[in-house]
Structures are given as C-alpha cells and as structure tokens.
PDB file of N, CA and C in Angstrom:
ATOM      1  N   UNK A   1     -91.590 -67.427  41.854  1.00  0.00           N
ATOM      2  CA  UNK A   1     -91.634 -66.387  42.859  1.00  0.00           C
ATOM      3  C   UNK A   1     -92.942 -65.615  42.694  1.00  0.00           C
ATOM      4  N   UNK A   2     -93.606 -65.332  43.803  1.00  0.00           N
ATOM      5  CA  UNK A   2     -94.864 -64.600  43.799  1.00  0.00           C
ATOM      6  C   UNK A   2     -94.633 -63.167  43.322  1.00  0.00           C
ATOM      7  N   UNK A   3     -95.475 -62.724  42.396  1.00  0.00           N
ATOM      8  CA  UNK A   3     -95.396 -61.356  41.882  1.00  0.00           C
ATOM      9  C   UNK A   3     -96.454 -60.512  42.572  1.00  0.00           C
ATOM     10  N   UNK A   4     -96.037 -59.360  43.093  1.00  0.00           N
ATOM     11  CA  UNK A   4     -96.923 -58.457  43.819  1.00  0.00           C
ATOM     12  C   UNK A   4     -96.837 -57.085  43.179  1.00  0.00           C
ATOM     13  N   UNK A   5     -97.996 -56.507  42.872  1.00  0.00           N
ATOM     14  CA  UNK A   5     -98.020 -55.153  42.320  1.00  0.00           C
ATOM     15  C   UNK A   5     -97.741 -54.160  43.440  1.00  0.00           C
ATOM     16  N   UNK A   6     -97.026 -53.096  43.124  1.00  0.00           N
ATOM     17  CA  UNK A   6     -96.587 -52.151  44.145  1.00  0.00           C
ATOM     18  C   UNK A   6     -96.627 -50.724  43.617  1.00  0.00           C
ATOM     19  N   UNK A   7     -97.118 -49.811  44.446  1.00  0.00           N
ATOM     20  CA  UNK A   7     -97.032 -48.385  44.161  1.00  0.00           C
ATOM     21  C   UNK A   7     -95.792 -47.888  44.896  1.00  0.00           C
ATOM     22  N   UNK A   8     -94.690 -47.748  44.186  1.00  0.00           N
ATOM     23  CA  UNK A   8     -93.400 -47.467  44.798  1.00  0.00           C
ATOM     24  C   UNK A   8     -93.307 -46.089  45.458  1.00  0.00           C
ATOM     25  N   UNK A   9     -94.231 -45.181  45.179  1.00  0.00           N
ATOM     26  CA  UNK A   9     -94.187 -43.857  45.791  1.00  0.00           C
ATOM     27  C   UNK A   9     -94.725 -43.846  47.218  1.00  0.00           C
ATOM     28  N   UNK A  10     -95.371 -44.935  47.650  1.00  0.00           N
ATOM     29  CA  UNK A  10     -95.932 -45.012  48.996  1.00  0.00           C
ATOM     30  C   UNK A  10     -95.076 -45.949  49.826  1.00  0.00           C
ATOM     31  N   UNK A  11     -94.310 -45.380  50.774  1.00  0.00           N
ATOM     32  CA  UNK A  11     -93.420 -46.211  51.581  1.00  0.00           C
ATOM     33  C   UNK A  11     -93.262 -45.639  52.986  1.00  0.00           C
ATOM     34  N   UNK A  12     -92.775 -46.472  53.874  1.00  0.00           N
ATOM     35  CA  UNK A  12     -92.495 -46.077  55.243  1.00  0.00           C
ATOM     36  C   UNK A  12     -91.167 -45.336  55.306  1.00  0.00           C
ATOM     37  N   UNK A  13     -90.899 -44.607  56.394  1.00  0.00           N
ATOM     38  CA  UNK A  13     -89.614 -43.905  56.522  1.00  0.00           C
ATOM     39  C   UNK A  13     -88.399 -44.834  56.398  1.00  0.00           C
ATOM     40  N   UNK A  14     -88.551 -46.108  56.771  1.00  0.00           N
ATOM     41  CA  UNK A  14     -87.420 -47.040  56.661  1.00  0.00           C
ATOM     42  C   UNK A  14     -87.261 -47.624  55.262  1.00  0.00           C
ATOM     43  N   UNK A  15     -88.102 -47.172  54.317  1.00  0.00           N
ATOM     44  CA  UNK A  15     -88.008 -47.631  52.933  1.00  0.00           C
ATOM     45  C   UNK A  15     -88.921 -48.794  52.600  1.00  0.00           C
ATOM     46  N   UNK A  16     -89.615 -49.342  53.590  1.00  0.00           N
ATOM     47  CA  UNK A  16     -90.528 -50.458  53.340  1.00  0.00           C
ATOM     48  C   UNK A  16     -91.701 -50.034  52.478  1.00  0.00           C
ATOM     49  N   UNK A  17     -92.025 -50.837  51.498  1.00  0.00           N
ATOM     50  CA  UNK A  17     -93.134 -50.560  50.587  1.00  0.00           C
ATOM     51  C   UNK A  17     -94.431 -51.060  51.216  1.00  0.00           C
ATOM     52  N   UNK A  18     -95.479 -50.217  51.203  1.00  0.00           N
ATOM     53  CA  UNK A  18     -96.720 -50.578  51.864  1.00  0.00           C
ATOM     54  C   UNK A  18     -97.926 -50.666  50.931  1.00  0.00           C
ATOM     55  N   UNK A  19     -97.875 -50.061  49.773  1.00  0.00           N
ATOM     56  CA  UNK A  19     -98.992 -50.111  48.832  1.00  0.00           C
ATOM     57  C   UNK A  19     -98.826 -51.355  47.967  1.00  0.00           C
ATOM     58  N   UNK A  20     -99.216 -52.500  48.544  1.00  0.00           N
ATOM     59  CA  UNK A  20     -98.992 -53.798  47.919  1.00  0.00           C
ATOM     60  C   UNK A  20    -100.321 -54.430  47.508  1.00  0.00           C
ATOM     61  N   UNK A  21    -100.345 -54.985  46.304  1.00  0.00           N
ATOM     62  CA  UNK A  21    -101.572 -55.558  45.758  1.00  0.00           C
ATOM     63  C   UNK A  21    -101.295 -56.901  45.090  1.00  0.00           C
ATOM     64  N   UNK A  22    -102.254 -57.811  45.217  1.00  0.00           N
ATOM     65  CA  UNK A  22    -102.201 -59.076  44.482  1.00  0.00           C
ATOM     66  C   UNK A  22    -102.408 -58.747  43.007  1.00  0.00           C
ATOM     67  N   UNK A  23    -102.042 -59.635  42.143  1.00  0.00           N
ATOM     68  CA  UNK A  23    -102.190 -59.379  40.699  1.00  0.00           C
ATOM     69  C   UNK A  23    -103.643 -59.157  40.289  1.00  0.00           C
ATOM     70  N   UNK A  24    -104.600 -59.635  41.100  1.00  0.00           N
ATOM     71  CA  UNK A  24    -106.010 -59.424  40.768  1.00  0.00           C
ATOM     72  C   UNK A  24    -106.556 -58.101  41.316  1.00  0.00           C
ATOM     73  N   UNK A  25    -105.681 -57.283  41.951  1.00  0.00           N
ATOM     74  CA  UNK A  25    -106.073 -55.963  42.420  1.00  0.00           C
ATOM     75  C   UNK A  25    -106.404 -55.858  43.898  1.00  0.00           C
ATOM     76  N   UNK A  26    -106.544 -56.968  44.605  1.00  0.00           N
ATOM     77  CA  UNK A  26    -106.841 -56.911  46.041  1.00  0.00           C
ATOM     78  C   UNK A  26    -105.614 -56.457  46.823  1.00  0.00           C
ATOM     79  N   UNK A  27    -105.853 -55.683  47.912  1.00  0.00           N
ATOM     80  CA  UNK A  27    -104.746 -55.308  48.799  1.00  0.00           C
ATOM     81  C   UNK A  27    -104.152 -56.577  49.381  1.00  0.00           C
ATOM     82  N   UNK A  28    -102.853 -56.619  49.500  1.00  0.00           N
ATOM     83  CA  UNK A  28    -102.161 -57.815  49.975  1.00  0.00           C
ATOM     84  C   UNK A  28    -102.613 -58.207  51.376  1.00  0.00           C
ATOM     85  N   UNK A  29    -102.865 -57.228  52.238  1.00  0.00           N
ATOM     86  CA  UNK A  29    -103.315 -57.530  53.603  1.00  0.00           C
ATOM     87  C   UNK A  29    -104.587 -58.373  53.595  1.00  0.00           C
ATOM     88  N   UNK A  30    -105.454 -58.159  52.613  1.00  0.00           N
ATOM     89  CA  UNK A  30    -106.738 -58.856  52.592  1.00  0.00           C
ATOM     90  C   UNK A  30    -106.656 -60.286  52.061  1.00  0.00           C
ATOM     91  N   UNK A  31    -105.568 -60.654  51.413  1.00  0.00           N
ATOM     92  CA  UNK A  31    -105.472 -62.003  50.839  1.00  0.00           C
ATOM     93  C   UNK A  31    -104.212 -62.743  51.279  1.00  0.00           C
ATOM     94  N   UNK A  32    -103.524 -62.235  52.302  1.00  0.00           N
ATOM     95  CA  UNK A  32    -102.264 -62.836  52.749  1.00  0.00           C
ATOM     96  C   UNK A  32    -102.444 -64.278  53.218  1.00  0.00           C
ATOM     97  N   UNK A  33    -103.487 -64.549  54.003  1.00  0.00           N
ATOM     98  CA  UNK A  33    -103.707 -65.908  54.508  1.00  0.00           C
ATOM     99  C   UNK A  33    -103.986 -66.866  53.352  1.00  0.00           C
ATOM    100  N   UNK A  34    -104.803 -66.439  52.427  1.00  0.00           N
ATOM    101  CA  UNK A  34    -105.131 -67.250  51.247  1.00  0.00           C
ATOM    102  C   UNK A  34    -103.877 -67.590  50.439  1.00  0.00           C
ATOM    103  N   UNK A  35    -102.956 -66.641  50.358  1.00  0.00           N
ATOM    104  CA  UNK A  35    -101.719 -66.846  49.603  1.00  0.00           C
ATOM    105  C   UNK A  35    -100.658 -67.598  50.400  1.00  0.00           C
ATOM    106  N   UNK A  36    -100.880 -67.758  51.704  1.00  0.00           N
ATOM    107  CA  UNK A  36     -99.917 -68.467  52.549  1.00  0.00           C
ATOM    108  C   UNK A  36     -98.627 -67.696  52.761  1.00  0.00           C
ATOM    109  N   UNK A  37     -98.724 -66.365  52.858  1.00  0.00           N
ATOM    110  CA  UNK A  37     -97.526 -65.543  53.031  1.00  0.00           C
ATOM    111  C   UNK A  37     -96.870 -65.811  54.376  1.00  0.00           C
ATOM    112  N   UNK A  38     -95.549 -65.743  54.397  1.00  0.00           N
ATOM    113  CA  UNK A  38     -94.791 -65.908  55.638  1.00  0.00           C
ATOM    114  C   UNK A  38     -93.759 -64.787  55.740  1.00  0.00           C
ATOM    115  N   UNK A  39     -93.475 -64.401  56.968  1.00  0.00           N
ATOM    116  CA  UNK A  39     -92.474 -63.384  57.224  1.00  0.00           C
ATOM    117  C   UNK A  39     -91.138 -63.830  56.639  1.00  0.00           C
ATOM    118  N   UNK A  40     -90.486 -62.957  55.899  1.00  0.00           N
ATOM    119  CA  UNK A  40     -89.207 -63.284  55.285  1.00  0.00           C
ATOM    120  C   UNK A  40     -89.308 -63.883  53.891  1.00  0.00           C
ATOM    121  N   UNK A  41     -90.516 -64.083  53.398  1.00  0.00           N
ATOM    122  CA  UNK A  41     -90.706 -64.670  52.063  1.00  0.00           C
ATOM    123  C   UNK A  41     -90.180 -63.728  50.985  1.00  0.00           C
ATOM    124  N   UNK A  42     -89.479 -64.292  50.005  1.00  0.00           N
ATOM    125  CA  UNK A  42     -88.979 -63.512  48.873  1.00  0.00           C
ATOM    126  C   UNK A  42     -90.079 -63.414  47.822  1.00  0.00           C
ATOM    127  N   UNK A  43     -90.263 -62.210  47.298  1.00  0.00           N
ATOM    128  CA  UNK A  43     -91.284 -61.940  46.286  1.00  0.00           C
ATOM    129  C   UNK A  43     -90.685 -61.035  45.218  1.00  0.00           C
ATOM    130  N   UNK A  44     -91.415 -60.855  44.150  1.00  0.00           N
ATOM    131  CA  UNK A  44     -91.026 -59.909  43.101  1.00  0.00           C
ATOM    132  C   UNK A  44     -92.060 -58.792  43.080  1.00  0.00           C
ATOM    133  N   UNK A  45     -91.624 -57.556  43.312  1.00  0.00           N
ATOM    134  CA  UNK A  45     -92.505 -56.397  43.237  1.00  0.00           C
ATOM    135  C   UNK A  45     -92.532 -55.892  41.801  1.00  0.00           C
ATOM    136  N   UNK A  46     -93.728 -55.623  41.310  1.00  0.00           N
ATOM    137  CA  UNK A  46     -93.923 -55.141  39.948  1.00  0.00           C
ATOM    138  C   UNK A  46     -94.580 -53.772  40.035  1.00  0.00           C
ATOM    139  N   UNK A  47     -93.981 -52.773  39.428  1.00  0.00           N
ATOM    140  CA  UNK A  47     -94.557 -51.432  39.384  1.00  0.00           C
ATOM    141  C   UNK A  47     -95.978 -51.521  38.826  1.00  0.00           C
ATOM    142  N   UNK A  48     -96.911 -50.720  39.379  1.00  0.00           N
ATOM    143  CA  UNK A  48     -98.308 -50.807  38.944  1.00  0.00           C
ATOM    144  C   UNK A  48     -98.483 -50.561  37.448  1.00  0.00           C
ATOM    145  N   UNK A  49     -97.601 -49.797  36.846  1.00  0.00           N
ATOM    146  CA  UNK A  49     -97.672 -49.590  35.394  1.00  0.00           C
ATOM    147  C   UNK A  49     -96.941 -50.691  34.625  1.00  0.00           C
ATOM    148  N   UNK A  50     -96.242 -51.568  35.352  1.00  0.00           N
ATOM    149  CA  UNK A  50     -95.509 -52.641  34.703  1.00  0.00           C
ATOM    150  C   UNK A  50     -94.193 -52.194  34.096  1.00  0.00           C
ATOM    151  N   UNK A  51     -93.690 -51.012  34.507  1.00  0.00           N
ATOM    152  CA  UNK A  51     -92.461 -50.476  33.931  1.00  0.00           C
ATOM    153  C   UNK A  51     -91.204 -51.200  34.395  1.00  0.00           C
ATOM    154  N   UNK A  52     -91.204 -51.696  35.645  1.00  0.00           N
ATOM    155  CA  UNK A  52     -90.028 -52.401  36.134  1.00  0.00           C
ATOM    156  C   UNK A  52     -90.410 -53.338  37.276  1.00  0.00           C
ATOM    157  N   UNK A  53     -89.484 -54.209  37.631  1.00  0.00           N
ATOM    158  CA  UNK A  53     -89.658 -55.193  38.694  1.00  0.00           C
ATOM    159  C   UNK A  53     -88.428 -55.170  39.586  1.00  0.00           C
ATOM    160  N   UNK A  54     -88.618 -55.553  40.851  1.00  0.00           N
ATOM    161  CA  UNK A  54     -87.510 -55.625  41.792  1.00  0.00           C
ATOM    162  C   UNK A  54     -87.808 -56.745  42.801  1.00  0.00           C
ATOM    163  N   UNK A  55     -86.786 -57.490  43.186  1.00  0.00           N
ATOM    164  CA  UNK A  55     -86.958 -58.528  44.199  1.00  0.00           C
ATOM    165  C   UNK A  55     -87.087 -57.871  45.563  1.00  0.00           C
ATOM    166  N   UNK A  56     -87.846 -58.515  46.470  1.00  0.00           N
ATOM    167  CA  UNK A  56     -88.062 -57.962  47.803  1.00  0.00           C
ATOM    168  C   UNK A  56     -88.272 -59.089  48.800  1.00  0.00           C
ATOM    169  N   UNK A  57     -88.255 -58.724  50.051  1.00  0.00           N
ATOM    170  CA  UNK A  57     -88.493 -59.655  51.149  1.00  0.00           C
ATOM    171  C   UNK A  57     -89.684 -59.128  51.940  1.00  0.00           C
ATOM    172  N   UNK A  58     -90.688 -59.990  52.204  1.00  0.00           N
ATOM    173  CA  UNK A  58     -91.854 -59.575  52.967  1.00  0.00           C
ATOM    174  C   UNK A  58     -91.539 -59.520  54.452  1.00  0.00           C
ATOM    175  N   UNK A  59     -92.130 -58.546  55.106  1.00  0.00           N
ATOM    176  CA  UNK A  59     -91.987 -58.394  56.551  1.00  0.00           C
ATOM    177  C   UNK A  59     -93.392 -58.262  57.134  1.00  0.00           C
ATOM    178  N   UNK A  60     -93.721 -59.143  58.086  1.00  0.00           N
ATOM    179  CA  UNK A  60     -95.030 -59.072  58.730  1.00  0.00           C
ATOM    180  C   UNK A  60     -94.938 -58.187  59.970  1.00  0.00           C
ATOM    181  N   UNK A  61     -95.912 -57.302  60.104  1.00  0.00           N
ATOM    182  CA  UNK A  61     -96.004 -56.408  61.256  1.00  0.00           C
ATOM    183  C   UNK A  61     -97.361 -56.647  61.920  1.00  0.00           C
ATOM    184  N   UNK A  62     -97.506 -57.717  62.711  1.00  0.00           N
ATOM    185  CA  UNK A  62     -98.818 -58.097  63.247  1.00  0.00           C
ATOM    186  C   UNK A  62     -99.487 -57.022  64.095  1.00  0.00           C
ATOM    187  N   UNK A  63     -98.719 -56.146  64.727  1.00  0.00           N
ATOM    188  CA  UNK A  63     -99.317 -55.140  65.603  1.00  0.00           C
ATOM    189  C   UNK A  63     -99.717 -53.862  64.873  1.00  0.00           C
ATOM    190  N   UNK A  64     -99.381 -53.737  63.594  1.00  0.00           N
ATOM    191  CA  UNK A  64     -99.718 -52.532  62.840  1.00  0.00           C
ATOM    192  C   UNK A  64    -101.108 -52.692  62.215  1.00  0.00           C
ATOM    193  N   UNK A  65    -102.086 -51.873  62.628  1.00  0.00           N
ATOM    194  CA  UNK A  65    -103.447 -52.027  62.106  1.00  0.00           C
ATOM    195  C   UNK A  65    -103.614 -51.586  60.652  1.00  0.00           C
ATOM    196  N   UNK A  66    -102.671 -50.826  60.130  1.00  0.00           N
ATOM    197  CA  UNK A  66    -102.801 -50.302  58.770  1.00  0.00           C
ATOM    198  C   UNK A  66    -101.968 -51.067  57.744  1.00  0.00           C
ATOM    199  N   UNK A  67    -100.756 -51.439  58.119  1.00  0.00           N
ATOM    200  CA  UNK A  67     -99.847 -52.089  57.182  1.00  0.00           C
ATOM    201  C   UNK A  67     -99.287 -53.368  57.814  1.00  0.00           C
ATOM    202  N   UNK A  68    -100.060 -54.438  57.755  1.00  0.00           N
ATOM    203  CA  UNK A  68     -99.595 -55.694  58.350  1.00  0.00           C
ATOM    204  C   UNK A  68     -98.432 -56.273  57.555  1.00  0.00           C
ATOM    205  N   UNK A  69     -98.483 -56.133  56.229  1.00  0.00           N
ATOM    206  CA  UNK A  69     -97.424 -56.655  55.357  1.00  0.00           C
ATOM    207  C   UNK A  69     -96.679 -55.514  54.685  1.00  0.00           C
ATOM    208  N   UNK A  70     -95.365 -55.568  54.767  1.00  0.00           N
ATOM    209  CA  UNK A  70     -94.479 -54.576  54.172  1.00  0.00           C
ATOM    210  C   UNK A  70     -93.453 -55.342  53.340  1.00  0.00           C
ATOM    211  N   UNK A  71     -93.040 -54.768  52.229  1.00  0.00           N
ATOM    212  CA  UNK A  71     -92.005 -55.395  51.401  1.00  0.00           C
ATOM    213  C   UNK A  71     -90.752 -54.527  51.436  1.00  0.00           C
ATOM    214  N   UNK A  72     -89.629 -55.154  51.747  1.00  0.00           N
ATOM    215  CA  UNK A  72     -88.343 -54.466  51.749  1.00  0.00           C
ATOM    216  C   UNK A  72     -87.621 -54.804  50.445  1.00  0.00           C
ATOM    217  N   UNK A  73     -87.604 -53.861  49.500  1.00  0.00           N
ATOM    218  CA  UNK A  73     -87.012 -54.139  48.196  1.00  0.00           C
ATOM    219  C   UNK A  73     -85.486 -54.113  48.199  1.00  0.00           C
ATOM    220  N   UNK A  74     -84.923 -54.973  47.382  1.00  0.00           N
ATOM    221  CA  UNK A  74     -83.488 -54.941  47.119  1.00  0.00           C
ATOM    222  C   UNK A  74     -83.305 -54.116  45.862  1.00  0.00           C
ATOM    223  N   UNK A  75     -83.091 -52.837  46.025  1.00  0.00           N
ATOM    224  CA  UNK A  75     -83.038 -51.918  44.879  1.00  0.00           C
ATOM    225  C   UNK A  75     -82.004 -52.323  43.834  1.00  0.00           C
ATOM    226  N   UNK A  76     -80.996 -53.062  44.248  1.00  0.00           N
ATOM    227  CA  UNK A  76     -79.968 -53.471  43.289  1.00  0.00           C
ATOM    228  C   UNK A  76     -80.438 -54.608  42.392  1.00  0.00           C
ATOM    229  N   UNK A  77     -81.648 -55.139  42.659  1.00  0.00           N
ATOM    230  CA  UNK A  77     -82.159 -56.254  41.853  1.00  0.00           C
ATOM    231  C   UNK A  77     -83.153 -55.785  40.800  1.00  0.00           C
ATOM    232  N   UNK A  78     -83.177 -54.491  40.523  1.00  0.00           N
ATOM    233  CA  UNK A  78     -84.143 -53.932  39.561  1.00  0.00           C
ATOM    234  C   UNK A  78     -83.977 -54.584  38.191  1.00  0.00           C
ATOM    235  N   UNK A  79     -85.105 -54.951  37.612  1.00  0.00           N
ATOM    236  CA  UNK A  79     -85.132 -55.553  36.271  1.00  0.00           C
ATOM    237  C   UNK A  79     -85.891 -54.601  35.342  1.00  0.00           C
ATOM    238  N   UNK A  80     -85.529 -54.615  34.068  1.00  0.00           N
ATOM    239  CA  UNK A  80     -86.122 -53.819  32.981  1.00  0.00           C
ATOM    240  C   UNK A  80     -85.571 -52.457  32.978  1.00  0.00           C
TER     241      UNK A  80
END
C-alpha cells in the first residue's frame, strides 16, 4: 500500500485531508500522474512526525485548483 505523509491538522470541512506529500517531500498533487494515482485508491497516511498511521481512500477533485487530491481517512484504522 502506498504511504503518503500527511499534516492531519489541515483538512476540509468534510474531514478530507489535503496536506498530502510523497515520502520524498513533494506535494501529492505534483506527482500524482507519476505515481499512477486513481480515484478511490486505498493508501496509508503517515503523520509527518511519524507518530501514527491510518488507512485512507483517495478522492480526486479535478475541478478544484488548490486540492486536486484529497484523502478520506478511516479513523478507526489508526495504527501505533
């Protein structure tokens, strides 16, 4: 499962996580095509400090100029 770094304090009103980064530090929006991301893909979100992980589902928002990719976390899947 793809691991994505996430700043959990930055989210949309519906709970979607938007501060998403590849493990090399690039914003997810900038490397999504390279990674072959698809709407509905399951990923693992990792807190930027590495304190915990949670499973999530990616949601593509093609019309949003700021947050094309959003992750909807399953809070009950928290690890660590």
